[in-house]
Amino acid sequence: MNTLNLLRALLPPVSYDPNGKYLSAELQAEANLFDEVKASAARALGSVTPFYATVTLSDWERIYEITPREGATQQERLQKVLFRMAQTGGLSIPYFINLAAVLGYKITITEPRSFQAGISRSGERLYIDDVRWVWQVNIIGSETPRYRFRAGASAAGDPLLTYGEPLVEAAFVDLKPAYTYCYFTYEDDDE
């Protein structure tokens, strides 16, 4: 039963004519207001989690300190919020390798070391001492993420297809130890 018919059914049966011109207009206005309140309540309820948050997605980004890139689609923005929610934290290389695996990337991390007499061998690269604060993140066989327009996941105005930034790079820049510099290399998957 729609809201207008429900309001008509609530009228006393003899006292009012539910189809009267003025009463019908008043009932229609009140039914429209109730329908809007119901829709607004559904949007508020959907915003409790980011899965159905449309209007409040920017609030989720603010809470998790995410700055979306210019032109990011709703799907891409939602993926970053969900990723940030799933993080548990860590500073070790295995943590970052597992983190990349959760995002769908296969990576290795190389830590260059400076040349040391008695440890290093002839032919090895000579690095400065500060190279110990560098991570070379080798991303193996990945593609730039694609976001296709999907009903329910995309918003009005989103393009039918867009390419996002590699989420793994943004995650590393946000989460890496403060003293660490990361640079990224991309390799073909040989498997």
N, C-alpha and C. Protein backbone atom coordinates (compact mmCIF):
# COMPACT_ATOMS: atom_id res chain seq x y z
N MET A 1 0.85 -1.17 0.00
CA MET A 1 0.00 0.00 0.00
C MET A 1 0.90 1.24 0.00
N ASN A 2 0.62 2.16 -0.92
CA ASN A 2 1.44 3.37 -0.93
C ASN A 2 1.00 4.33 0.16
N THR A 3 1.79 5.34 0.40
CA THR A 3 1.56 6.24 1.52
C THR A 3 0.26 7.01 1.37
N LEU A 4 -0.08 7.44 0.18
CA LEU A 4 -1.31 8.19 -0.04
C LEU A 4 -2.52 7.33 0.32
N ASN A 5 -2.57 6.10 -0.13
CA ASN A 5 -3.69 5.22 0.21
C ASN A 5 -3.73 4.91 1.70
N LEU A 6 -2.58 4.81 2.33
CA LEU A 6 -2.52 4.58 3.76
C LEU A 6 -3.11 5.76 4.53
N LEU A 7 -2.77 6.98 4.13
CA LEU A 7 -3.33 8.17 4.78
C LEU A 7 -4.84 8.27 4.57
N ARG A 8 -5.29 7.91 3.38
CA ARG A 8 -6.74 7.92 3.11
C ARG A 8 -7.45 6.89 3.99
N ALA A 9 -6.83 5.75 4.22
CA ALA A 9 -7.44 4.71 5.04
C ALA A 9 -7.52 5.11 6.51
N LEU A 10 -6.68 6.05 6.93
CA LEU A 10 -6.69 6.50 8.32
C LEU A 10 -7.79 7.51 8.64
N LEU A 11 -8.44 8.05 7.60
CA LEU A 11 -9.52 9.02 7.83
C LEU A 11 -10.75 8.33 8.41
N PRO A 12 -11.49 9.03 9.26
CA PRO A 12 -12.76 8.45 9.74
C PRO A 12 -13.67 8.16 8.55
N PRO A 13 -14.34 7.02 8.53
CA PRO A 13 -15.06 6.58 7.33
C PRO A 13 -16.22 7.49 6.90
N VAL A 14 -16.87 8.18 7.79
CA VAL A 14 -18.05 8.93 7.42
C VAL A 14 -17.78 10.43 7.37
N SER A 15 -16.90 10.91 8.21
CA SER A 15 -16.71 12.36 8.38
C SER A 15 -16.08 13.04 7.18
N TYR A 16 -15.19 12.36 6.45
CA TYR A 16 -14.44 13.00 5.36
C TYR A 16 -14.61 12.21 4.07
N ASP A 17 -14.56 12.93 2.96
CA ASP A 17 -14.53 12.29 1.65
C ASP A 17 -13.06 12.24 1.22
N PRO A 18 -12.41 11.03 1.22
CA PRO A 18 -10.98 10.97 0.90
C PRO A 18 -10.64 11.39 -0.53
N ASN A 19 -11.66 11.48 -1.39
CA ASN A 19 -11.42 11.89 -2.78
C ASN A 19 -11.77 13.35 -3.02
N GLY A 20 -12.10 14.08 -1.95
CA GLY A 20 -12.43 15.50 -2.10
C GLY A 20 -11.22 16.28 -2.63
N LYS A 21 -11.51 17.37 -3.34
CA LYS A 21 -10.46 18.13 -4.03
C LYS A 21 -9.38 18.64 -3.08
N TYR A 22 -9.77 19.36 -2.04
CA TYR A 22 -8.79 19.97 -1.14
C TYR A 22 -8.15 18.95 -0.21
N LEU A 23 -8.96 18.03 0.30
CA LEU A 23 -8.42 17.00 1.19
C LEU A 23 -7.46 16.08 0.44
N SER A 24 -7.80 15.78 -0.80
CA SER A 24 -6.93 14.93 -1.62
C SER A 24 -5.58 15.60 -1.86
N ALA A 25 -5.59 16.92 -2.12
CA ALA A 25 -4.34 17.66 -2.33
C ALA A 25 -3.51 17.68 -1.05
N GLU A 26 -4.17 17.88 0.10
CA GLU A 26 -3.46 17.89 1.38
C GLU A 26 -2.86 16.51 1.68
N LEU A 27 -3.63 15.45 1.44
CA LEU A 27 -3.12 14.10 1.68
C LEU A 27 -1.94 13.78 0.76
N GLN A 28 -2.01 14.24 -0.50
CA GLN A 28 -0.92 14.01 -1.45
C GLN A 28 0.35 14.72 -0.99
N ALA A 29 0.21 15.95 -0.50
CA ALA A 29 1.38 16.71 -0.01
C ALA A 29 2.00 16.01 1.20
N GLU A 30 1.16 15.53 2.11
CA GLU A 30 1.68 14.85 3.29
C GLU A 30 2.31 13.50 2.92
N ALA A 31 1.70 12.80 1.96
CA ALA A 31 2.25 11.51 1.51
C ALA A 31 3.62 11.73 0.86
N ASN A 32 3.76 12.80 0.07
CA ASN A 32 5.06 13.10 -0.54
C ASN A 32 6.12 13.37 0.52
N LEU A 33 5.73 14.11 1.58
CA LEU A 33 6.65 14.40 2.66
C LEU A 33 7.07 13.12 3.38
N PHE A 34 6.10 12.25 3.68
CA PHE A 34 6.43 10.99 4.34
C PHE A 34 7.33 10.12 3.46
N ASP A 35 7.08 10.10 2.15
CA ASP A 35 7.93 9.32 1.24
C ASP A 35 9.35 9.85 1.22
N GLU A 36 9.51 11.18 1.26
CA GLU A 36 10.85 11.77 1.28
C GLU A 36 11.57 11.46 2.60
N VAL A 37 10.83 11.51 3.71
CA VAL A 37 11.42 11.16 5.01
C VAL A 37 11.86 9.71 5.01
N LYS A 38 11.04 8.83 4.44
CA LYS A 38 11.38 7.40 4.37
C LYS A 38 12.64 7.19 3.53
N ALA A 39 12.73 7.88 2.39
CA ALA A 39 13.91 7.75 1.53
C ALA A 39 15.15 8.31 2.23
N SER A 40 15.00 9.42 2.94
CA SER A 40 16.12 10.01 3.66
C SER A 40 16.58 9.09 4.79
N ALA A 41 15.64 8.44 5.47
CA ALA A 41 16.00 7.49 6.53
C ALA A 41 16.74 6.30 5.95
N ALA A 42 16.33 5.84 4.77
CA ALA A 42 17.02 4.72 4.12
C ALA A 42 18.45 5.12 3.74
N ARG A 43 18.63 6.36 3.28
CA ARG A 43 19.99 6.83 2.95
C ARG A 43 20.84 6.92 4.21
N ALA A 44 20.25 7.40 5.30
CA ALA A 44 21.00 7.50 6.57
C ALA A 44 21.36 6.11 7.08
N LEU A 45 20.44 5.17 6.96
CA LEU A 45 20.72 3.80 7.39
C LEU A 45 21.80 3.17 6.52
N GLY A 46 21.77 3.44 5.23
CA GLY A 46 22.80 2.92 4.33
C GLY A 46 24.17 3.51 4.59
N SER A 47 24.22 4.67 5.22
CA SER A 47 25.49 5.33 5.48
C SER A 47 26.20 4.78 6.71
N VAL A 48 25.57 3.87 7.42
CA VAL A 48 26.20 3.27 8.59
C VAL A 48 27.46 2.52 8.18
N THR A 49 27.45 1.92 7.01
CA THR A 49 28.63 1.28 6.45
C THR A 49 28.94 1.96 5.13
N PRO A 50 30.17 1.93 4.68
CA PRO A 50 30.48 2.59 3.42
C PRO A 50 29.94 1.87 2.19
N PHE A 51 29.47 0.63 2.34
CA PHE A 51 28.99 -0.14 1.19
C PHE A 51 27.84 0.57 0.47
N TYR A 52 26.95 1.17 1.22
CA TYR A 52 25.78 1.83 0.63
C TYR A 52 25.82 3.34 0.82
N ALA A 53 26.93 3.86 1.28
CA ALA A 53 27.05 5.29 1.50
C ALA A 53 27.27 5.98 0.15
N THR A 54 26.34 6.79 -0.22
CA THR A 54 26.51 7.54 -1.47
C THR A 54 26.78 9.00 -1.13
N VAL A 55 25.87 9.60 -0.41
CA VAL A 55 26.01 11.00 -0.05
C VAL A 55 27.11 11.18 0.98
N THR A 56 27.32 10.19 1.85
CA THR A 56 28.27 10.34 2.95
C THR A 56 29.61 9.68 2.68
N LEU A 57 29.89 9.30 1.45
CA LEU A 57 31.18 8.70 1.14
C LEU A 57 32.33 9.67 1.44
N SER A 58 32.10 10.94 1.21
CA SER A 58 33.14 11.93 1.53
C SER A 58 33.40 11.99 3.04
N ASP A 59 32.39 11.73 3.86
CA ASP A 59 32.61 11.68 5.31
C ASP A 59 33.48 10.49 5.68
N TRP A 60 33.25 9.35 5.03
CA TRP A 60 34.11 8.18 5.28
C TRP A 60 35.55 8.48 4.88
N GLU A 61 35.73 9.17 3.76
CA GLU A 61 37.08 9.54 3.33
C GLU A 61 37.74 10.49 4.34
N ARG A 62 36.97 11.41 4.87
CA ARG A 62 37.50 12.34 5.86
C ARG A 62 37.92 11.59 7.13
N ILE A 63 37.11 10.66 7.56
CA ILE A 63 37.42 9.90 8.79
C ILE A 63 38.71 9.10 8.62
N TYR A 64 38.89 8.50 7.45
CA TYR A 64 40.08 7.67 7.21
C TYR A 64 41.22 8.45 6.56
N GLU A 65 41.09 9.77 6.49
CA GLU A 65 42.12 10.66 5.95
C GLU A 65 42.54 10.25 4.54
N ILE A 66 41.56 10.08 3.68
CA ILE A 66 41.79 9.71 2.29
C ILE A 66 41.47 10.92 1.43
N THR A 67 42.38 11.27 0.56
CA THR A 67 42.14 12.33 -0.41
C THR A 67 42.02 11.67 -1.78
N PRO A 68 40.81 11.62 -2.33
CA PRO A 68 40.67 10.97 -3.63
C PRO A 68 41.34 11.78 -4.73
N ARG A 69 41.85 11.07 -5.72
CA ARG A 69 42.47 11.77 -6.84
C ARG A 69 41.40 12.49 -7.65
N GLU A 70 41.80 13.48 -8.39
CA GLU A 70 40.89 14.23 -9.24
C GLU A 70 40.24 13.30 -10.26
N GLY A 71 38.93 13.31 -10.33
CA GLY A 71 38.22 12.47 -11.31
C GLY A 71 37.99 11.04 -10.86
N ALA A 72 38.26 10.72 -9.59
CA ALA A 72 38.06 9.35 -9.10
C ALA A 72 36.56 9.03 -9.10
N THR A 73 36.24 7.81 -9.52
CA THR A 73 34.84 7.38 -9.54
C THR A 73 34.41 6.95 -8.14
N GLN A 74 33.11 6.79 -7.98
CA GLN A 74 32.59 6.36 -6.69
C GLN A 74 33.12 4.97 -6.34
N GLN A 75 33.23 4.07 -7.32
CA GLN A 75 33.75 2.73 -7.05
C GLN A 75 35.19 2.79 -6.54
N GLU A 76 36.00 3.60 -7.18
CA GLU A 76 37.41 3.73 -6.77
C GLU A 76 37.51 4.31 -5.37
N ARG A 77 36.70 5.32 -5.09
CA ARG A 77 36.72 5.93 -3.77
C ARG A 77 36.26 4.94 -2.71
N LEU A 78 35.23 4.16 -3.01
CA LEU A 78 34.74 3.16 -2.08
C LEU A 78 35.79 2.09 -1.83
N GLN A 79 36.49 1.67 -2.88
CA GLN A 79 37.54 0.65 -2.73
C GLN A 79 38.63 1.14 -1.78
N LYS A 80 39.00 2.40 -1.87
CA LYS A 80 40.03 2.93 -0.98
C LYS A 80 39.55 2.98 0.46
N VAL A 81 38.30 3.34 0.67
CA VAL A 81 37.75 3.37 2.04
C VAL A 81 37.72 1.97 2.62
N LEU A 82 37.25 1.00 1.85
CA LEU A 82 37.17 -0.38 2.34
C LEU A 82 38.56 -0.93 2.62
N PHE A 83 39.51 -0.58 1.77
CA PHE A 83 40.89 -1.02 1.99
C PHE A 83 41.43 -0.45 3.29
N ARG A 84 41.20 0.83 3.51
CA ARG A 84 41.71 1.49 4.72
C ARG A 84 41.06 0.89 5.97
N MET A 85 39.79 0.52 5.86
CA MET A 85 39.11 -0.09 7.01
C MET A 85 39.70 -1.46 7.35
N ALA A 86 40.18 -2.18 6.35
CA ALA A 86 40.68 -3.54 6.56
C ALA A 86 42.12 -3.58 7.07
N GLN A 87 42.79 -2.47 7.09
CA GLN A 87 44.19 -2.46 7.51
C GLN A 87 44.31 -2.69 9.01
N THR A 88 45.29 -3.47 9.37
CA THR A 88 45.53 -3.73 10.79
C THR A 88 46.78 -3.02 11.28
N GLY A 89 47.67 -2.69 10.40
CA GLY A 89 48.88 -1.96 10.77
C GLY A 89 50.10 -2.85 10.88
N GLY A 90 51.22 -2.29 10.60
CA GLY A 90 52.48 -3.01 10.67
C GLY A 90 53.57 -2.23 9.97
N LEU A 91 54.81 -2.54 10.28
CA LEU A 91 55.94 -1.86 9.67
C LEU A 91 56.90 -2.82 8.99
N SER A 92 56.62 -4.11 9.05
CA SER A 92 57.56 -5.09 8.50
C SER A 92 57.32 -5.31 7.01
N ILE A 93 58.34 -5.80 6.35
CA ILE A 93 58.22 -6.10 4.93
C ILE A 93 57.17 -7.18 4.68
N PRO A 94 57.11 -8.27 5.47
CA PRO A 94 56.04 -9.25 5.25
C PRO A 94 54.63 -8.65 5.36
N TYR A 95 54.45 -7.69 6.27
CA TYR A 95 53.15 -7.03 6.37
C TYR A 95 52.80 -6.34 5.05
N PHE A 96 53.74 -5.64 4.46
CA PHE A 96 53.46 -4.91 3.22
C PHE A 96 53.27 -5.87 2.04
N ILE A 97 53.97 -6.99 2.04
CA ILE A 97 53.78 -7.98 0.98
C ILE A 97 52.37 -8.57 1.08
N ASN A 98 51.93 -8.89 2.30
CA ASN A 98 50.57 -9.40 2.49
C ASN A 98 49.53 -8.34 2.17
N LEU A 99 49.81 -7.10 2.49
CA LEU A 99 48.91 -6.00 2.19
C LEU A 99 48.71 -5.87 0.68
N ALA A 100 49.79 -5.97 -0.06
CA ALA A 100 49.69 -5.91 -1.52
C ALA A 100 48.91 -7.10 -2.06
N ALA A 101 49.08 -8.26 -1.45
CA ALA A 101 48.34 -9.45 -1.88
C ALA A 101 46.84 -9.27 -1.68
N VAL A 102 46.46 -8.63 -0.60
CA VAL A 102 45.04 -8.34 -0.34
C VAL A 102 44.49 -7.44 -1.44
N LEU A 103 45.31 -6.52 -1.93
CA LEU A 103 44.88 -5.62 -3.00
C LEU A 103 44.93 -6.29 -4.37
N GLY A 104 45.46 -7.51 -4.44
CA GLY A 104 45.53 -8.22 -5.71
C GLY A 104 46.85 -8.05 -6.44
N TYR A 105 47.88 -7.61 -5.75
CA TYR A 105 49.19 -7.41 -6.37
C TYR A 105 50.18 -8.44 -5.83
N LYS A 106 51.04 -8.91 -6.70
CA LYS A 106 52.14 -9.77 -6.30
C LYS A 106 53.39 -8.89 -6.32
N ILE A 107 54.05 -8.78 -5.16
CA ILE A 107 55.20 -7.89 -5.07
C ILE A 107 56.35 -8.57 -4.34
N THR A 108 57.51 -8.01 -4.55
CA THR A 108 58.67 -8.31 -3.71
C THR A 108 59.24 -6.95 -3.29
N ILE A 109 59.94 -6.95 -2.18
CA ILE A 109 60.56 -5.72 -1.70
C ILE A 109 62.05 -5.98 -1.53
N THR A 110 62.83 -5.15 -2.19
CA THR A 110 64.28 -5.26 -2.10
C THR A 110 64.80 -4.09 -1.27
N GLU A 111 65.69 -4.40 -0.34
CA GLU A 111 66.33 -3.35 0.45
C GLU A 111 67.79 -3.26 0.02
N PRO A 112 68.14 -2.25 -0.76
CA PRO A 112 69.55 -2.10 -1.14
C PRO A 112 70.40 -1.85 0.11
N ARG A 113 71.61 -2.29 0.10
CA ARG A 113 72.50 -2.04 1.24
C ARG A 113 73.77 -1.38 0.73
N SER A 114 74.31 -0.57 1.57
CA SER A 114 75.54 0.12 1.18
C SER A 114 76.70 -0.88 1.18
N PHE A 115 77.69 -0.56 0.41
CA PHE A 115 78.87 -1.43 0.30
C PHE A 115 79.62 -1.42 1.62
N GLN A 116 79.91 -2.62 2.12
CA GLN A 116 80.65 -2.74 3.38
C GLN A 116 81.82 -3.68 3.18
N ALA A 117 82.99 -3.23 3.59
CA ALA A 117 84.19 -4.06 3.49
C ALA A 117 84.02 -5.30 4.36
N GLY A 118 84.39 -6.43 3.84
CA GLY A 118 84.28 -7.67 4.58
C GLY A 118 82.95 -8.38 4.39
N ILE A 119 81.92 -7.66 3.94
CA ILE A 119 80.59 -8.25 3.72
C ILE A 119 80.27 -8.25 2.24
N SER A 120 80.47 -7.11 1.60
CA SER A 120 80.15 -6.97 0.18
C SER A 120 81.25 -7.60 -0.66
N ARG A 121 80.93 -7.84 -1.91
CA ARG A 121 81.88 -8.48 -2.82
C ARG A 121 82.20 -7.55 -3.98
N SER A 122 83.24 -7.89 -4.65
CA SER A 122 83.64 -7.15 -5.84
C SER A 122 82.52 -7.24 -6.87
N GLY A 123 82.20 -6.12 -7.50
CA GLY A 123 81.16 -6.08 -8.53
C GLY A 123 79.80 -5.63 -8.02
N GLU A 124 79.62 -5.59 -6.69
CA GLU A 124 78.36 -5.11 -6.15
C GLU A 124 78.29 -3.60 -6.25
N ARG A 125 77.07 -3.08 -6.31
CA ARG A 125 76.88 -1.64 -6.41
C ARG A 125 77.36 -0.93 -5.16
N LEU A 126 77.85 0.26 -5.39
CA LEU A 126 78.24 1.12 -4.27
C LEU A 126 77.08 2.08 -4.00
N TYR A 127 76.56 2.01 -2.81
CA TYR A 127 75.47 2.91 -2.41
C TYR A 127 75.95 3.77 -1.26
N ILE A 128 75.28 4.89 -1.07
CA ILE A 128 75.57 5.72 0.09
C ILE A 128 74.95 5.07 1.33
N ASP A 129 75.33 5.52 2.48
CA ASP A 129 74.86 4.93 3.74
C ASP A 129 73.34 5.04 3.90
N ASP A 130 72.74 6.13 3.41
CA ASP A 130 71.30 6.33 3.59
C ASP A 130 70.43 5.40 2.75
N VAL A 131 71.04 4.56 1.93
CA VAL A 131 70.26 3.64 1.12
C VAL A 131 69.52 2.62 1.99
N ARG A 132 69.93 2.48 3.22
CA ARG A 132 69.24 1.54 4.11
C ARG A 132 67.81 1.96 4.40
N TRP A 133 67.44 3.20 4.08
CA TRP A 133 66.09 3.70 4.31
C TRP A 133 65.25 3.64 3.02
N VAL A 134 65.71 2.88 2.04
CA VAL A 134 65.01 2.80 0.75
C VAL A 134 64.45 1.40 0.56
N TRP A 135 63.22 1.35 0.05
CA TRP A 135 62.62 0.08 -0.37
C TRP A 135 62.37 0.15 -1.87
N GLN A 136 62.82 -0.86 -2.57
CA GLN A 136 62.48 -1.00 -3.97
C GLN A 136 61.31 -1.98 -4.02
N VAL A 137 60.14 -1.50 -4.37
CA VAL A 137 58.94 -2.32 -4.43
C VAL A 137 58.78 -2.80 -5.87
N ASN A 138 58.94 -4.10 -6.06
CA ASN A 138 58.85 -4.70 -7.39
C ASN A 138 57.45 -5.26 -7.57
N ILE A 139 56.66 -4.65 -8.42
CA ILE A 139 55.28 -5.08 -8.66
C ILE A 139 55.30 -5.98 -9.88
N ILE A 140 54.84 -7.21 -9.69
CA ILE A 140 54.97 -8.24 -10.72
C ILE A 140 53.63 -8.48 -11.40
N GLY A 141 53.61 -8.28 -12.71
CA GLY A 141 52.46 -8.63 -13.53
C GLY A 141 51.17 -7.94 -13.17
N SER A 142 51.19 -6.66 -12.88
CA SER A 142 49.94 -5.98 -12.52
C SER A 142 49.50 -5.07 -13.66
N GLU A 143 48.23 -4.76 -13.61
CA GLU A 143 47.66 -3.84 -14.58
C GLU A 143 47.11 -2.62 -13.84
N THR A 144 46.92 -1.55 -14.56
CA THR A 144 46.25 -0.39 -13.99
C THR A 144 44.80 -0.78 -13.74
N PRO A 145 44.27 -0.51 -12.54
CA PRO A 145 42.89 -0.92 -12.27
C PRO A 145 41.89 -0.21 -13.16
N ARG A 146 40.89 -0.97 -13.61
CA ARG A 146 39.82 -0.42 -14.44
C ARG A 146 38.52 -0.42 -13.64
N TYR A 147 37.77 0.65 -13.77
CA TYR A 147 36.48 0.76 -13.10
C TYR A 147 35.41 0.95 -14.17
N ARG A 148 34.57 -0.07 -14.33
CA ARG A 148 33.46 0.01 -15.29
C ARG A 148 32.22 0.50 -14.55
N PHE A 149 31.41 1.28 -15.23
CA PHE A 149 30.17 1.78 -14.65
C PHE A 149 29.26 0.60 -14.32
N ARG A 150 28.78 0.55 -13.09
CA ARG A 150 27.87 -0.52 -12.66
C ARG A 150 26.73 0.12 -11.88
N ALA A 151 25.51 -0.30 -12.19
CA ALA A 151 24.36 0.19 -11.45
C ALA A 151 24.48 -0.25 -10.00
N GLY A 152 24.25 0.68 -9.10
CA GLY A 152 24.34 0.38 -7.67
C GLY A 152 25.72 0.64 -7.09
N ALA A 153 26.76 0.60 -7.92
CA ALA A 153 28.11 0.84 -7.42
C ALA A 153 28.65 2.17 -7.94
N SER A 154 28.10 2.67 -9.03
CA SER A 154 28.56 3.92 -9.62
C SER A 154 27.53 5.02 -9.34
N ALA A 155 27.96 6.23 -9.52
CA ALA A 155 27.08 7.38 -9.29
C ALA A 155 26.78 8.06 -10.62
N ALA A 156 25.70 8.81 -10.64
CA ALA A 156 25.36 9.57 -11.84
C ALA A 156 26.51 10.52 -12.16
N GLY A 157 26.90 10.55 -13.42
CA GLY A 157 27.99 11.41 -13.84
C GLY A 157 29.32 10.70 -13.94
N ASP A 158 29.43 9.48 -13.37
CA ASP A 158 30.67 8.70 -13.50
C ASP A 158 30.82 8.24 -14.95
N PRO A 159 32.04 8.20 -15.48
CA PRO A 159 32.23 7.70 -16.85
C PRO A 159 31.95 6.20 -16.93
N LEU A 160 31.69 5.71 -18.14
CA LEU A 160 31.42 4.29 -18.33
C LEU A 160 32.63 3.43 -18.04
N LEU A 161 33.83 3.96 -18.29
CA LEU A 161 35.06 3.25 -18.00
C LEU A 161 36.12 4.27 -17.64
N THR A 162 36.82 3.99 -16.56
CA THR A 162 37.92 4.88 -16.17
C THR A 162 39.05 4.03 -15.61
N TYR A 163 40.23 4.57 -15.65
CA TYR A 163 41.41 3.88 -15.14
C TYR A 163 41.85 4.59 -13.89
N GLY A 164 42.10 3.84 -12.84
CA GLY A 164 42.51 4.41 -11.56
C GLY A 164 44.01 4.37 -11.40
N GLU A 165 44.47 5.01 -10.34
CA GLU A 165 45.88 4.95 -10.03
C GLU A 165 46.15 3.61 -9.38
N PRO A 166 47.34 3.09 -9.52
CA PRO A 166 47.66 1.83 -8.85
C PRO A 166 47.49 2.00 -7.33
N LEU A 167 46.53 1.31 -6.78
CA LEU A 167 46.20 1.45 -5.38
C LEU A 167 47.36 1.07 -4.48
N VAL A 168 48.20 0.14 -4.94
CA VAL A 168 49.31 -0.30 -4.11
C VAL A 168 50.29 0.84 -3.86
N GLU A 169 50.52 1.69 -4.85
CA GLU A 169 51.43 2.82 -4.65
C GLU A 169 50.88 3.79 -3.61
N ALA A 170 49.59 4.10 -3.72
CA ALA A 170 48.99 5.02 -2.75
C ALA A 170 49.02 4.43 -1.35
N ALA A 171 48.78 3.12 -1.24
CA ALA A 171 48.80 2.46 0.07
C ALA A 171 50.19 2.51 0.68
N PHE A 172 51.21 2.26 -0.11
CA PHE A 172 52.57 2.28 0.42
C PHE A 172 52.97 3.69 0.85
N VAL A 173 52.63 4.67 0.05
CA VAL A 173 52.99 6.05 0.40
C VAL A 173 52.30 6.46 1.70
N ASP A 174 51.04 6.03 1.89
CA ASP A 174 50.31 6.38 3.10
C ASP A 174 50.80 5.63 4.34
N LEU A 175 51.23 4.37 4.17
CA LEU A 175 51.47 3.51 5.33
C LEU A 175 52.93 3.19 5.62
N LYS A 176 53.81 3.47 4.72
CA LYS A 176 55.22 3.10 4.91
C LYS A 176 55.78 3.78 6.15
N PRO A 177 56.83 3.22 6.72
CA PRO A 177 57.47 3.93 7.83
C PRO A 177 57.94 5.31 7.38
N ALA A 178 57.83 6.28 8.25
CA ALA A 178 58.10 7.67 7.89
C ALA A 178 59.51 7.89 7.36
N TYR A 179 60.46 7.12 7.83
CA TYR A 179 61.85 7.31 7.44
C TYR A 179 62.19 6.58 6.15
N THR A 180 61.24 5.85 5.57
CA THR A 180 61.50 5.01 4.40
C THR A 180 61.06 5.71 3.12
N TYR A 181 61.88 5.59 2.10
CA TYR A 181 61.51 6.06 0.77
C TYR A 181 61.24 4.84 -0.09
N CYS A 182 60.08 4.82 -0.78
CA CYS A 182 59.73 3.69 -1.65
C CYS A 182 59.79 4.15 -3.10
N TYR A 183 60.40 3.32 -3.93
CA TYR A 183 60.25 3.54 -5.37
C TYR A 183 59.78 2.23 -5.97
N PHE A 184 59.02 2.37 -7.05
CA PHE A 184 58.27 1.25 -7.59
C PHE A 184 58.80 0.86 -8.96
N THR A 185 58.94 -0.43 -9.17
CA THR A 185 59.26 -0.96 -10.49
C THR A 185 58.17 -1.94 -10.88
N TYR A 186 57.94 -2.04 -12.17
CA TYR A 186 56.91 -2.94 -12.69
C TYR A 186 57.58 -3.97 -13.59
N GLU A 187 57.23 -5.23 -13.36
CA GLU A 187 57.81 -6.33 -14.12
C GLU A 187 56.69 -7.17 -14.73
N ASP A 188 56.98 -7.80 -15.86
CA ASP A 188 56.03 -8.75 -16.44
C ASP A 188 56.04 -10.01 -15.62
N ASP A 189 54.88 -10.67 -15.56
CA ASP A 189 54.78 -11.92 -14.84
C ASP A 189 55.32 -13.03 -15.75
N ASP A 190 56.36 -13.71 -15.32
CA ASP A 190 57.00 -14.75 -16.14
C ASP A 190 56.34 -16.12 -15.99
N GLU A 191 55.37 -16.22 -15.10
CA GLU A 191 54.76 -17.52 -14.86
C GLU A 191 53.81 -17.90 -15.96
